[in-house]
Structure formats: structure tokens, C-alpha cells
Amino acid sequence: MDAVDLVRQVLANRGLDTYREMIAAYAAKDKIKFNQEANAFRDLLKEEDELLGTRPEFMLGNWLGQARKMARTEEEAAQCEKNARMQITYWGPADPGTEARDYAGKEWSGLLDDFYLRRWEMFIGELNARLEGKPEGTVNYFELEKSWTEQRSTFPETPKGEALSTATRVFSHVSEARPMKSAHK
């Protein structure tokens, strides 16, 4: 697990660097560079999701499965799952104006690919639209967040792949892509 957690942190750090490059390209109105960085950011999320899927403690399916097991009826199970989904996403009142977001956010396989990637796609799409001169839209992140908590899609509870070899491969790929810029504060 230590190798997976270490590489998870490397990916998160690289994601922050890539995000900063993406925003700098946006500020410079460099659409080509912006999209290169946006694609790199998406790839990092996908690689992290794959990496985390090699360990049960980093899997969304286990969190949701444990929540459902607390219930005695299917109705209770659905409510427990919804609560578990809310806790790791928008956690707060059903109010799009709330500032309480991602309070208990997690980096888990399933959550990165099915929730966070979709939310980042909305953000990237909005910035791309602005770069194309379209008027600022009103991206409704809350609607995505709320609707995700109401879904009942299932996620694996059994790890896929071998943790150490996946961590080694992902680390090598990320290290070769470009060197780290700086330590994060």
C-alpha cells in the first residue's frame, strides 16, 4: 500500500503543477497550450484512478458497499448509500450557493473517474468556451454533484491489477512526462 500511496501523492502533486500550467495558459489566452495541459490533467486523473483501483482501501466500491451493509431494508440501503456519496462530494445542504464543498473529498478509484473527472470536464469546457469568445456560462456544478449522490451505479470492490507493478509503471510514466516544477506549500 505504501508504494500506491506514495505514487498517489506524486500524481496529486503533478496534477497541481499541471493545473497551474493550464490556468497560466488560459490567462495567456493560449488555447493550444491550455488544451495540452487539460489533456495532461485528464490523463493524470485516469492514471491515478487506475493506480488506486489496485488497493481495496482506495476503492469507492468498498465505501459504498460498507454503507449499504449498515441497512436492514433496501430503502435504508439506498439512503445510506446516498449519505455516503454526499459525505465525500458536496457534503452540505442541498443548496447550490453553499460554500461547504468537498469537505471530506477522497482520492479513490471510481470517484476520480466517475465524479471528479466529470466535474473537471465541466470546468475545462467552460474555460475553452471563454477562450473561443463565447459569453461566460453558468456551469451548474452543484447539479452534477447532487445528481451523482442520487445515482445507484455500482463500483468494483475487488482490486484490479498488481499494486507494485502498476505503481512502478505509473511513476515511470509520470516521471518521464516532465520533471516536477517545485515543492508544494
Foldseek 3Di string as FASTA:
>chain_A
DVLLVVLLVVLVLVLVVLVVQLVVCLVVLPLVSNVVSLVVNLVSLVLNLLLQLQDLVQAPQVQLVVQLVVDDDPVSSLVSQLVSLCVQFQVDDLDLPDPRTRPVHGSHRPCSVPPVSVLSVLVSVQSSCVSVVHDRDDDRSSVSSNVVSNDDDHTDSHGDDHNPVSSVVSSVVSCVVDHRDDDDD
